[in-house]
Amino acid sequence: MKINNIGNHNMNPYKRNFNKMDQVGKTEKTASDKIEISTAAKEMQEVSKLGKERQAKVEALKDQVQSGNYTIDAKAIAKGLKNFYNRS
């Protein structure tokens, strides 16, 4: 007894895989990318702007130290240290 045409034996498996790849390629072409920046990332960008201001301040202090015009306020340093250690 001979049984024919059961299942998909007549279909070429390579062609079936090729057809799947064509379908995937078509869906990828229609899709588009979208970027959203979160509020946390926006805040980080603001911090980097502050970094530029800080860099300018550091450069000014370096110039003062190199020229010998930089003076230290001992009372302000002592007050800052006292506040720091009292906070802890």
PDB file of N, CA and C in Angstrom:
ATOM      1  N   MET A   1       0.842  -1.161   0.000  1.00  0.00           N
ATOM      2  CA  MET A   1       0.000   0.000   0.000  1.00  0.00           C
ATOM      3  C   MET A   1       0.896   1.236   0.000  1.00  0.00           C
ATOM      4  N   LYS A   2       0.566   2.227  -0.813  1.00  0.00           N
ATOM      5  CA  LYS A   2       1.344   3.448  -0.947  1.00  0.00           C
ATOM      6  C   LYS A   2       0.455   4.644  -0.596  1.00  0.00           C
ATOM      7  N   ILE A   3       1.011   5.542   0.305  1.00  0.00           N
ATOM      8  CA  ILE A   3       0.261   6.739   0.708  1.00  0.00           C
ATOM      9  C   ILE A   3       1.018   7.947   0.189  1.00  0.00           C
ATOM     10  N   ASN A   4       0.348   8.849  -0.536  1.00  0.00           N
ATOM     11  CA  ASN A   4       0.964  10.031  -1.130  1.00  0.00           C
ATOM     12  C   ASN A   4       0.342  11.319  -0.564  1.00  0.00           C
ATOM     13  N   ASN A   5       1.115  12.425  -0.699  1.00  0.00           N
ATOM     14  CA  ASN A   5       0.642  13.776  -0.385  1.00  0.00           C
ATOM     15  C   ASN A   5       0.213  13.964   1.081  1.00  0.00           C
ATOM     16  N   ILE A   6       1.027  13.503   2.002  1.00  0.00           N
ATOM     17  CA  ILE A   6       0.778  13.765   3.416  1.00  0.00           C
ATOM     18  C   ILE A   6       1.783  14.819   3.870  1.00  0.00           C
ATOM     19  N   GLY A   7       1.283  15.882   4.474  1.00  0.00           N
ATOM     20  CA  GLY A   7       2.148  16.943   4.953  1.00  0.00           C
ATOM     21  C   GLY A   7       2.600  17.850   3.820  1.00  0.00           C
ATOM     22  N   ASN A   8       3.694  18.576   4.041  1.00  0.00           N
ATOM     23  CA  ASN A   8       4.224  19.515   3.063  1.00  0.00           C
ATOM     24  C   ASN A   8       5.488  18.973   2.409  1.00  0.00           C
ATOM     25  N   HIS A   9       5.517  17.756   2.029  1.00  0.00           N
ATOM     26  CA  HIS A   9       6.704  17.164   1.437  1.00  0.00           C
ATOM     27  C   HIS A   9       6.993  17.701   0.042  1.00  0.00           C
ATOM     28  N   ASN A  10       5.983  18.209  -0.605  1.00  0.00           N
ATOM     29  CA  ASN A  10       6.165  18.695  -1.963  1.00  0.00           C
ATOM     30  C   ASN A  10       6.784  20.092  -2.002  1.00  0.00           C
ATOM     31  N   MET A  11       6.864  20.789  -0.879  1.00  0.00           N
ATOM     32  CA  MET A  11       7.381  22.153  -0.858  1.00  0.00           C
ATOM     33  C   MET A  11       8.880  22.132  -0.566  1.00  0.00           C
ATOM     34  N   ASN A  12       9.640  22.951  -1.263  1.00  0.00           N
ATOM     35  CA  ASN A  12      11.079  23.043  -1.084  1.00  0.00           C
ATOM     36  C   ASN A  12      11.372  23.826   0.210  1.00  0.00           C
ATOM     37  N   PRO A  13      12.082  23.264   1.198  1.00  0.00           N
ATOM     38  CA  PRO A  13      12.322  23.970   2.470  1.00  0.00           C
ATOM     39  C   PRO A  13      13.185  25.216   2.280  1.00  0.00           C
ATOM     40  N   TYR A  14      14.083  25.234   1.303  1.00  0.00           N
ATOM     41  CA  TYR A  14      14.914  26.415   1.061  1.00  0.00           C
ATOM     42  C   TYR A  14      14.091  27.572   0.530  1.00  0.00           C
ATOM     43  N   LYS A  15      13.123  27.240  -0.308  1.00  0.00           N
ATOM     44  CA  LYS A  15      12.266  28.280  -0.848  1.00  0.00           C
ATOM     45  C   LYS A  15      11.365  28.845   0.248  1.00  0.00           C
ATOM     46  N   ARG A  16      10.922  27.986   1.151  1.00  0.00           N
ATOM     47  CA  ARG A  16      10.086  28.443   2.252  1.00  0.00           C
ATOM     48  C   ARG A  16      10.875  29.428   3.133  1.00  0.00           C
ATOM     49  N   ASN A  17      12.140  29.130   3.410  1.00  0.00           N
ATOM     50  CA  ASN A  17      12.991  30.021   4.201  1.00  0.00           C
ATOM     51  C   ASN A  17      13.243  31.333   3.460  1.00  0.00           C
ATOM     52  N   PHE A  18      13.431  31.249   2.162  1.00  0.00           N
ATOM     53  CA  PHE A  18      13.650  32.438   1.345  1.00  0.00           C
ATOM     54  C   PHE A  18      12.424  33.349   1.385  1.00  0.00           C
ATOM     55  N   ASN A  19      11.236  32.778   1.346  1.00  0.00           N
ATOM     56  CA  ASN A  19      10.000  33.555   1.408  1.00  0.00           C
ATOM     57  C   ASN A  19       9.870  34.269   2.757  1.00  0.00           C
ATOM     58  N   LYS A  20      10.281  33.610   3.827  1.00  0.00           N
ATOM     59  CA  LYS A  20      10.251  34.245   5.146  1.00  0.00           C
ATOM     60  C   LYS A  20      11.201  35.435   5.198  1.00  0.00           C
ATOM     61  N   MET A  21      12.366  35.285   4.600  1.00  0.00           N
ATOM     62  CA  MET A  21      13.339  36.372   4.592  1.00  0.00           C
ATOM     63  C   MET A  21      12.811  37.564   3.798  1.00  0.00           C
ATOM     64  N   ASP A  22      12.082  37.309   2.707  1.00  0.00           N
ATOM     65  CA  ASP A  22      11.485  38.393   1.931  1.00  0.00           C
ATOM     66  C   ASP A  22      10.461  39.157   2.764  1.00  0.00           C
ATOM     67  N   GLN A  23       9.665  38.446   3.532  1.00  0.00           N
ATOM     68  CA  GLN A  23       8.652  39.095   4.355  1.00  0.00           C
ATOM     69  C   GLN A  23       9.301  39.942   5.451  1.00  0.00           C
ATOM     70  N   VAL A  24      10.370  39.457   6.045  1.00  0.00           N
ATOM     71  CA  VAL A  24      11.059  40.204   7.086  1.00  0.00           C
ATOM     72  C   VAL A  24      11.668  41.463   6.479  1.00  0.00           C
ATOM     73  N   GLY A  25      12.261  41.364   5.313  1.00  0.00           N
ATOM     74  CA  GLY A  25      12.870  42.519   4.657  1.00  0.00           C
ATOM     75  C   GLY A  25      11.851  43.589   4.324  1.00  0.00           C
ATOM     76  N   LYS A  26      10.660  43.203   3.947  1.00  0.00           N
ATOM     77  CA  LYS A  26       9.607  44.168   3.605  1.00  0.00           C
ATOM     78  C   LYS A  26       9.122  44.910   4.842  1.00  0.00           C
ATOM     79  N   THR A  27       8.992  44.229   5.963  1.00  0.00           N
ATOM     80  CA  THR A  27       8.500  44.894   7.171  1.00  0.00           C
ATOM     81  C   THR A  27       9.558  45.836   7.743  1.00  0.00           C
ATOM     82  N   GLU A  28      10.830  45.509   7.604  1.00  0.00           N
ATOM     83  CA  GLU A  28      11.890  46.366   8.127  1.00  0.00           C
ATOM     84  C   GLU A  28      11.995  47.669   7.340  1.00  0.00           C
ATOM     85  N   LYS A  29      11.706  47.643   6.073  1.00  0.00           N
ATOM     86  CA  LYS A  29      11.810  48.838   5.243  1.00  0.00           C
ATOM     87  C   LYS A  29      10.739  49.862   5.600  1.00  0.00           C
ATOM     88  N   THR A  30       9.589  49.415   6.043  1.00  0.00           N
ATOM     89  CA  THR A  30       8.511  50.334   6.356  1.00  0.00           C
ATOM     90  C   THR A  30       8.643  50.906   7.766  1.00  0.00           C
ATOM     91  N   ALA A  31       9.381  50.238   8.643  1.00  0.00           N
ATOM     92  CA  ALA A  31       9.539  50.712  10.015  1.00  0.00           C
ATOM     93  C   ALA A  31      10.500  51.900  10.052  1.00  0.00           C
ATOM     94  N   SER A  32      10.275  52.791  11.002  1.00  0.00           N
ATOM     95  CA  SER A  32      11.167  53.940  11.157  1.00  0.00           C
ATOM     96  C   SER A  32      11.612  54.024  12.620  1.00  0.00           C
ATOM     97  N   ASP A  33      12.753  54.649  12.832  1.00  0.00           N
ATOM     98  CA  ASP A  33      13.294  54.801  14.172  1.00  0.00           C
ATOM     99  C   ASP A  33      12.766  56.086  14.804  1.00  0.00           C
ATOM    100  N   LYS A  34      12.654  56.048  16.126  1.00  0.00           N
ATOM    101  CA  LYS A  34      12.167  57.211  16.845  1.00  0.00           C
ATOM    102  C   LYS A  34      12.989  57.343  18.130  1.00  0.00           C
ATOM    103  N   ILE A  35      13.413  58.557  18.438  1.00  0.00           N
ATOM    104  CA  ILE A  35      14.214  58.808  19.623  1.00  0.00           C
ATOM    105  C   ILE A  35      13.457  59.751  20.545  1.00  0.00           C
ATOM    106  N   GLU A  36      13.400  59.395  21.817  1.00  0.00           N
ATOM    107  CA  GLU A  36      12.801  60.257  22.823  1.00  0.00           C
ATOM    108  C   GLU A  36      13.822  60.456  23.930  1.00  0.00           C
ATOM    109  N   ILE A  37      14.048  61.692  24.325  1.00  0.00           N
ATOM    110  CA  ILE A  37      14.997  61.998  25.396  1.00  0.00           C
ATOM    111  C   ILE A  37      14.209  62.200  26.686  1.00  0.00           C
ATOM    112  N   SER A  38      14.573  61.448  27.702  1.00  0.00           N
ATOM    113  CA  SER A  38      13.864  61.529  28.966  1.00  0.00           C
ATOM    114  C   SER A  38      14.221  62.807  29.712  1.00  0.00           C
ATOM    115  N   THR A  39      13.429  63.111  30.713  1.00  0.00           N
ATOM    116  CA  THR A  39      13.701  64.311  31.508  1.00  0.00           C
ATOM    117  C   THR A  39      15.006  64.169  32.281  1.00  0.00           C
ATOM    118  N   ALA A  40      15.337  62.945  32.700  1.00  0.00           N
ATOM    119  CA  ALA A  40      16.603  62.736  33.412  1.00  0.00           C
ATOM    120  C   ALA A  40      17.786  63.039  32.499  1.00  0.00           C
ATOM    121  N   ALA A  41      17.690  62.644  31.244  1.00  0.00           N
ATOM    122  CA  ALA A  41      18.774  62.917  30.296  1.00  0.00           C
ATOM    123  C   ALA A  41      18.880  64.417  30.032  1.00  0.00           C
ATOM    124  N   LYS A  42      17.761  65.098  29.982  1.00  0.00           N
ATOM    125  CA  LYS A  42      17.781  66.546  29.782  1.00  0.00           C
ATOM    126  C   LYS A  42      18.442  67.246  30.963  1.00  0.00           C
ATOM    127  N   GLU A  43      18.167  66.735  32.175  1.00  0.00           N
ATOM    128  CA  GLU A  43      18.811  67.306  33.362  1.00  0.00           C
ATOM    129  C   GLU A  43      20.322  67.080  33.319  1.00  0.00           C
ATOM    130  N   MET A  44      20.743  65.937  32.818  1.00  0.00           N
ATOM    131  CA  MET A  44      22.166  65.656  32.699  1.00  0.00           C
ATOM    132  C   MET A  44      22.830  66.621  31.721  1.00  0.00           C
ATOM    133  N   GLN A  45      22.129  66.996  30.676  1.00  0.00           N
ATOM    134  CA  GLN A  45      22.666  67.953  29.725  1.00  0.00           C
ATOM    135  C   GLN A  45      22.842  69.317  30.388  1.00  0.00           C
ATOM    136  N   GLU A  46      21.929  69.678  31.274  1.00  0.00           N
ATOM    137  CA  GLU A  46      22.045  70.946  31.995  1.00  0.00           C
ATOM    138  C   GLU A  46      23.270  70.929  32.900  1.00  0.00           C
ATOM    139  N   VAL A  47      23.558  69.790  33.514  1.00  0.00           N
ATOM    140  CA  VAL A  47      24.724  69.663  34.386  1.00  0.00           C
ATOM    141  C   VAL A  47      26.001  69.853  33.580  1.00  0.00           C
ATOM    142  N   SER A  48      26.026  69.362  32.357  1.00  0.00           N
ATOM    143  CA  SER A  48      27.225  69.534  31.539  1.00  0.00           C
ATOM    144  C   SER A  48      27.448  71.008  31.207  1.00  0.00           C
ATOM    145  N   LYS A  49      26.390  71.790  31.103  1.00  0.00           N
ATOM    146  CA  LYS A  49      26.533  73.226  30.884  1.00  0.00           C
ATOM    147  C   LYS A  49      27.168  73.872  32.110  1.00  0.00           C
ATOM    148  N   LEU A  50      26.793  73.391  33.299  1.00  0.00           N
ATOM    149  CA  LEU A  50      27.399  73.903  34.520  1.00  0.00           C
ATOM    150  C   LEU A  50      28.873  73.535  34.580  1.00  0.00           C
ATOM    151  N   GLY A  51      29.227  72.420  33.992  1.00  0.00           N
ATOM    152  CA  GLY A  51      30.624  71.997  33.952  1.00  0.00           C
ATOM    153  C   GLY A  51      31.482  72.999  33.199  1.00  0.00           C
ATOM    154  N   LYS A  52      30.948  73.597  32.159  1.00  0.00           N
ATOM    155  CA  LYS A  52      31.684  74.602  31.386  1.00  0.00           C
ATOM    156  C   LYS A  52      31.917  75.854  32.232  1.00  0.00           C
ATOM    157  N   GLU A  53      30.889  76.243  32.994  1.00  0.00           N
ATOM    158  CA  GLU A  53      31.036  77.402  33.879  1.00  0.00           C
ATOM    159  C   GLU A  53      32.074  77.112  34.959  1.00  0.00           C
ATOM    160  N   ARG A  54      32.043  75.904  35.483  1.00  0.00           N
ATOM    161  CA  ARG A  54      33.007  75.511  36.509  1.00  0.00           C
ATOM    162  C   ARG A  54      34.419  75.520  35.941  1.00  0.00           C
ATOM    163  N   GLN A  55      34.574  75.044  34.715  1.00  0.00           N
ATOM    164  CA  GLN A  55      35.887  75.020  34.069  1.00  0.00           C
ATOM    165  C   GLN A  55      36.437  76.431  33.913  1.00  0.00           C
ATOM    166  N   ALA A  56      35.575  77.371  33.571  1.00  0.00           N
ATOM    167  CA  ALA A  56      36.003  78.763  33.434  1.00  0.00           C
ATOM    168  C   ALA A  56      36.461  79.318  34.783  1.00  0.00           C
ATOM    169  N   LYS A  57      35.741  78.955  35.838  1.00  0.00           N
ATOM    170  CA  LYS A  57      36.108  79.413  37.179  1.00  0.00           C
ATOM    171  C   LYS A  57      37.451  78.820  37.602  1.00  0.00           C
ATOM    172  N   VAL A  58      37.670  77.553  37.300  1.00  0.00           N
ATOM    173  CA  VAL A  58      38.935  76.896  37.632  1.00  0.00           C
ATOM    174  C   VAL A  58      40.092  77.557  36.892  1.00  0.00           C
ATOM    175  N   GLU A  59      39.884  77.877  35.626  1.00  0.00           N
ATOM    176  CA  GLU A  59      40.928  78.546  34.842  1.00  0.00           C
ATOM    177  C   GLU A  59      41.274  79.910  35.442  1.00  0.00           C
ATOM    178  N   ALA A  60      40.252  80.641  35.892  1.00  0.00           N
ATOM    179  CA  ALA A  60      40.488  81.951  36.505  1.00  0.00           C
ATOM    180  C   ALA A  60      41.297  81.796  37.792  1.00  0.00           C
ATOM    181  N   LEU A  61      40.961  80.773  38.591  1.00  0.00           N
ATOM    182  CA  LEU A  61      41.705  80.530  39.828  1.00  0.00           C
ATOM    183  C   LEU A  61      43.149  80.138  39.533  1.00  0.00           C
ATOM    184  N   LYS A  62      43.367  79.334  38.497  1.00  0.00           N
ATOM    185  CA  LYS A  62      44.734  78.949  38.116  1.00  0.00           C
ATOM    186  C   LYS A  62      45.560  80.185  37.754  1.00  0.00           C
ATOM    187  N   ASP A  63      44.942  81.088  37.012  1.00  0.00           N
ATOM    188  CA  ASP A  63      45.642  82.312  36.618  1.00  0.00           C
ATOM    189  C   ASP A  63      46.013  83.139  37.845  1.00  0.00           C
ATOM    190  N   GLN A  64      45.083  83.233  38.821  1.00  0.00           N
ATOM    191  CA  GLN A  64      45.361  83.986  40.037  1.00  0.00           C
ATOM    192  C   GLN A  64      46.501  83.358  40.831  1.00  0.00           C
ATOM    193  N   VAL A  65      46.513  82.032  40.929  1.00  0.00           N
ATOM    194  CA  VAL A  65      47.562  81.344  41.682  1.00  0.00           C
ATOM    195  C   VAL A  65      48.913  81.540  40.997  1.00  0.00           C
ATOM    196  N   GLN A  66      48.953  81.416  39.689  1.00  0.00           N
ATOM    197  CA  GLN A  66      50.217  81.548  38.965  1.00  0.00           C
ATOM    198  C   GLN A  66      50.762  82.975  39.025  1.00  0.00           C
ATOM    199  N   SER A  67      49.865  83.950  39.044  1.00  0.00           N
ATOM    200  CA  SER A  67      50.330  85.338  39.095  1.00  0.00           C
ATOM    201  C   SER A  67      50.615  85.795  40.522  1.00  0.00           C
ATOM    202  N   GLY A  68      50.217  85.004  41.521  1.00  0.00           N
ATOM    203  CA  GLY A  68      50.469  85.352  42.919  1.00  0.00           C
ATOM    204  C   GLY A  68      49.408  86.259  43.510  1.00  0.00           C
ATOM    205  N   ASN A  69      48.291  86.446  42.859  1.00  0.00           N
ATOM    206  CA  ASN A  69      47.223  87.321  43.341  1.00  0.00           C
ATOM    207  C   ASN A  69      46.152  86.586  44.139  1.00  0.00           C
ATOM    208  N   TYR A  70      46.251  85.277  44.265  1.00  0.00           N
ATOM    209  CA  TYR A  70      45.227  84.495  44.958  1.00  0.00           C
ATOM    210  C   TYR A  70      45.420  84.602  46.462  1.00  0.00           C
ATOM    211  N   THR A  71      44.359  84.965  47.169  1.00  0.00           N
ATOM    212  CA  THR A  71      44.421  85.057  48.629  1.00  0.00           C
ATOM    213  C   THR A  71      43.426  84.079  49.235  1.00  0.00           C
ATOM    214  N   ILE A  72      43.788  83.552  50.388  1.00  0.00           N
ATOM    215  CA  ILE A  72      42.961  82.563  51.066  1.00  0.00           C
ATOM    216  C   ILE A  72      42.256  83.241  52.236  1.00  0.00           C
ATOM    217  N   ASP A  73      40.938  83.012  52.344  1.00  0.00           N
ATOM    218  CA  ASP A  73      40.165  83.532  53.473  1.00  0.00           C
ATOM    219  C   ASP A  73      40.058  82.412  54.506  1.00  0.00           C
ATOM    220  N   ALA A  74      40.906  82.462  55.517  1.00  0.00           N
ATOM    221  CA  ALA A  74      40.986  81.394  56.515  1.00  0.00           C
ATOM    222  C   ALA A  74      39.685  81.256  57.293  1.00  0.00           C
ATOM    223  N   LYS A  75      39.006  82.359  57.565  1.00  0.00           N
ATOM    224  CA  LYS A  75      37.745  82.297  58.320  1.00  0.00           C
ATOM    225  C   LYS A  75      36.664  81.568  57.527  1.00  0.00           C
ATOM    226  N   ALA A  76      36.602  81.805  56.231  1.00  0.00           N
ATOM    227  CA  ALA A  76      35.603  81.145  55.390  1.00  0.00           C
ATOM    228  C   ALA A  76      35.877  79.646  55.308  1.00  0.00           C
ATOM    229  N   ILE A  77      37.152  79.271  55.244  1.00  0.00           N
ATOM    230  CA  ILE A  77      37.505  77.847  55.199  1.00  0.00           C
ATOM    231  C   ILE A  77      37.141  77.174  56.515  1.00  0.00           C
ATOM    232  N   ALA A  78      37.461  77.824  57.637  1.00  0.00           N
ATOM    233  CA  ALA A  78      37.141  77.263  58.950  1.00  0.00           C
ATOM    234  C   ALA A  78      35.634  77.117  59.126  1.00  0.00           C
ATOM    235  N   LYS A  79      34.885  78.112  58.686  1.00  0.00           N
ATOM    236  CA  LYS A  79      33.422  78.062  58.791  1.00  0.00           C
ATOM    237  C   LYS A  79      32.861  76.911  57.953  1.00  0.00           C
ATOM    238  N   GLY A  80      33.408  76.728  56.755  1.00  0.00           N
ATOM    239  CA  GLY A  80      32.958  75.644  55.886  1.00  0.00           C
ATOM    240  C   GLY A  80      33.261  74.279  56.476  1.00  0.00           C
ATOM    241  N   LEU A  81      34.441  74.119  57.060  1.00  0.00           N
ATOM    242  CA  LEU A  81      34.801  72.850  57.701  1.00  0.00           C
ATOM    243  C   LEU A  81      33.907  72.569  58.903  1.00  0.00           C
ATOM    244  N   LYS A  82      33.645  73.602  59.695  1.00  0.00           N
ATOM    245  CA  LYS A  82      32.787  73.437  60.868  1.00  0.00           C
ATOM    246  C   LYS A  82      31.386  73.002  60.443  1.00  0.00           C
ATOM    247  N   ASN A  83      30.834  73.669  59.437  1.00  0.00           N
ATOM    248  CA  ASN A  83      29.499  73.298  58.952  1.00  0.00           C
ATOM    249  C   ASN A  83      29.465  71.882  58.397  1.00  0.00           C
ATOM    250  N   PHE A  84      30.526  71.489  57.711  1.00  0.00           N
ATOM    251  CA  PHE A  84      30.593  70.152  57.117  1.00  0.00           C
ATOM    252  C   PHE A  84      30.580  69.084  58.201  1.00  0.00           C
ATOM    253  N   TYR A  85      31.393  69.239  59.242  1.00  0.00           N
ATOM    254  CA  TYR A  85      31.498  68.212  60.264  1.00  0.00           C
ATOM    255  C   TYR A  85      30.330  68.253  61.249  1.00  0.00           C
ATOM    256  N   ASN A  86      29.680  69.378  61.403  1.00  0.00           N
ATOM    257  CA  ASN A  86      28.503  69.451  62.261  1.00  0.00           C
ATOM    258  C   ASN A  86      27.293  68.805  61.592  1.00  0.00           C
ATOM    259  N   ARG A  87      27.278  68.789  60.298  1.00  0.00           N
ATOM    260  CA  ARG A  87      26.182  68.205  59.534  1.00  0.00           C
ATOM    261  C   ARG A  87      26.173  66.690  59.666  1.00  0.00           C
ATOM    262  N   SER A  88      27.318  66.058  59.735  1.00  0.00           N
ATOM    263  CA  SER A  88      27.432  64.597  59.751  1.00  0.00           C
ATOM    264  C   SER A  88      26.957  63.980  60.996  1.00  0.00           C
TER     265      SER A  88
END
